[in-house]
Amino acid sequence: MKGVYYMRRESKSESQRWLIQAKRDLDDAIFAKEGEVDCLVAYLLKLL
């Protein structure tokens, strides 16, 4: 949720936020499937 709030604070357009969130959801699914949750966390922190 923090990522979504951060994007909102940056005044991104609704569609841009949606696309970024969709990409994160996709990355989340890929990392989770490989069992690399720590890599996902590090990746998301890098984006911030």
N, C-alpha and C. Protein backbone atom coordinates (compact mmCIF):
# COMPACT_ATOMS: atom_id res chain seq x y z
N MET A 1 0.83 -1.20 0.00
CA MET A 1 0.00 0.00 0.00
C MET A 1 0.87 1.26 0.00
N LYS A 2 2.01 1.19 0.64
CA LYS A 2 2.89 2.36 0.72
C LYS A 2 3.30 2.82 -0.67
N GLY A 3 3.53 1.86 -1.56
CA GLY A 3 3.92 2.22 -2.92
C GLY A 3 2.83 3.00 -3.63
N VAL A 4 1.58 2.59 -3.44
CA VAL A 4 0.46 3.27 -4.09
C VAL A 4 0.34 4.69 -3.54
N TYR A 5 0.47 4.84 -2.22
CA TYR A 5 0.39 6.16 -1.60
C TYR A 5 1.52 7.05 -2.12
N TYR A 6 2.69 6.48 -2.27
CA TYR A 6 3.85 7.23 -2.76
C TYR A 6 3.57 7.75 -4.17
N MET A 7 3.01 6.88 -5.03
CA MET A 7 2.71 7.30 -6.39
C MET A 7 1.68 8.42 -6.39
N ARG A 8 0.70 8.30 -5.52
CA ARG A 8 -0.35 9.32 -5.47
C ARG A 8 0.26 10.66 -5.06
N ARG A 9 1.19 10.62 -4.12
CA ARG A 9 1.84 11.85 -3.66
C ARG A 9 2.62 12.51 -4.80
N GLU A 10 3.13 11.70 -5.69
CA GLU A 10 3.92 12.23 -6.80
C GLU A 10 3.03 12.76 -7.92
N SER A 11 1.71 12.73 -7.74
CA SER A 11 0.76 13.29 -8.70
C SER A 11 0.84 12.65 -10.07
N LYS A 12 1.03 11.35 -10.11
CA LYS A 12 1.02 10.64 -11.39
C LYS A 12 -0.42 10.55 -11.87
N SER A 13 -0.59 10.39 -13.17
CA SER A 13 -1.95 10.25 -13.69
C SER A 13 -2.50 8.90 -13.26
N GLU A 14 -3.83 8.78 -13.26
CA GLU A 14 -4.47 7.54 -12.81
C GLU A 14 -4.00 6.35 -13.64
N SER A 15 -3.91 6.53 -14.95
CA SER A 15 -3.51 5.41 -15.81
C SER A 15 -2.06 5.01 -15.55
N GLN A 16 -1.19 6.00 -15.31
CA GLN A 16 0.21 5.68 -15.02
C GLN A 16 0.31 4.88 -13.73
N ARG A 17 -0.42 5.30 -12.70
CA ARG A 17 -0.42 4.57 -11.43
C ARG A 17 -0.90 3.14 -11.66
N TRP A 18 -1.95 3.01 -12.46
CA TRP A 18 -2.51 1.67 -12.70
C TRP A 18 -1.48 0.79 -13.40
N LEU A 19 -0.80 1.34 -14.40
CA LEU A 19 0.19 0.56 -15.14
C LEU A 19 1.35 0.15 -14.24
N ILE A 20 1.82 1.08 -13.42
CA ILE A 20 2.92 0.77 -12.51
C ILE A 20 2.50 -0.29 -11.50
N GLN A 21 1.28 -0.16 -10.97
CA GLN A 21 0.79 -1.14 -10.00
C GLN A 21 0.63 -2.50 -10.66
N ALA A 22 0.14 -2.51 -11.91
CA ALA A 22 -0.03 -3.78 -12.63
C ALA A 22 1.33 -4.45 -12.84
N LYS A 23 2.35 -3.65 -13.16
CA LYS A 23 3.68 -4.20 -13.35
C LYS A 23 4.21 -4.78 -12.04
N ARG A 24 3.96 -4.07 -10.95
CA ARG A 24 4.42 -4.57 -9.65
C ARG A 24 3.71 -5.87 -9.29
N ASP A 25 2.40 -5.94 -9.59
CA ASP A 25 1.65 -7.16 -9.32
C ASP A 25 2.23 -8.31 -10.13
N LEU A 26 2.58 -8.04 -11.38
CA LEU A 26 3.16 -9.07 -12.24
C LEU A 26 4.51 -9.52 -11.69
N ASP A 27 5.36 -8.57 -11.34
CA ASP A 27 6.66 -8.89 -10.76
C ASP A 27 6.47 -9.69 -9.47
N ASP A 28 5.49 -9.29 -8.67
CA ASP A 28 5.19 -9.97 -7.41
C ASP A 28 4.87 -11.43 -7.68
N ALA A 29 4.02 -11.69 -8.68
CA ALA A 29 3.62 -13.06 -9.01
C ALA A 29 4.83 -13.87 -9.48
N ILE A 30 5.68 -13.24 -10.30
CA ILE A 30 6.85 -13.95 -10.82
C ILE A 30 7.82 -14.30 -9.69
N PHE A 31 8.14 -13.32 -8.85
CA PHE A 31 9.07 -13.56 -7.74
C PHE A 31 8.50 -14.59 -6.77
N ALA A 32 7.21 -14.48 -6.45
CA ALA A 32 6.59 -15.39 -5.49
C ALA A 32 6.64 -16.82 -6.04
N LYS A 33 6.43 -16.96 -7.34
CA LYS A 33 6.45 -18.29 -7.95
C LYS A 33 7.82 -18.92 -7.81
N GLU A 34 8.86 -18.08 -7.86
CA GLU A 34 10.23 -18.58 -7.73
C GLU A 34 10.66 -18.67 -6.27
N GLY A 35 9.79 -18.22 -5.37
CA GLY A 35 10.12 -18.27 -3.95
C GLY A 35 11.19 -17.27 -3.56
N GLU A 36 11.25 -16.14 -4.26
CA GLU A 36 12.29 -15.15 -3.98
C GLU A 36 11.67 -13.87 -3.42
N VAL A 37 11.00 -14.00 -2.29
CA VAL A 37 10.31 -12.85 -1.70
C VAL A 37 11.31 -11.76 -1.31
N ASP A 38 12.47 -12.17 -0.80
CA ASP A 38 13.48 -11.19 -0.40
C ASP A 38 13.93 -10.36 -1.60
N CYS A 39 14.05 -10.99 -2.76
CA CYS A 39 14.45 -10.27 -3.97
C CYS A 39 13.37 -9.26 -4.34
N LEU A 40 12.12 -9.66 -4.18
CA LEU A 40 11.00 -8.76 -4.50
C LEU A 40 11.04 -7.53 -3.61
N VAL A 41 11.25 -7.75 -2.31
CA VAL A 41 11.30 -6.63 -1.37
C VAL A 41 12.43 -5.68 -1.73
N ALA A 42 13.60 -6.23 -2.02
CA ALA A 42 14.75 -5.40 -2.38
C ALA A 42 14.46 -4.63 -3.67
N TYR A 43 13.79 -5.29 -4.62
CA TYR A 43 13.46 -4.66 -5.89
C TYR A 43 12.50 -3.49 -5.69
N LEU A 44 11.47 -3.70 -4.88
CA LEU A 44 10.49 -2.63 -4.63
C LEU A 44 11.13 -1.47 -3.89
N LEU A 45 12.02 -1.77 -2.94
CA LEU A 45 12.68 -0.70 -2.19
C LEU A 45 13.56 0.13 -3.13
N LYS A 46 14.15 -0.54 -4.13
CA LYS A 46 14.99 0.17 -5.09
C LYS A 46 14.17 1.17 -5.90
N LEU A 47 12.91 0.81 -6.20
CA LEU A 47 12.05 1.69 -6.99
C LEU A 47 11.71 2.97 -6.22
N LEU A 48 11.68 2.88 -4.89
CA LEU A 48 11.36 4.06 -4.08
C LEU A 48 12.61 4.90 -3.90
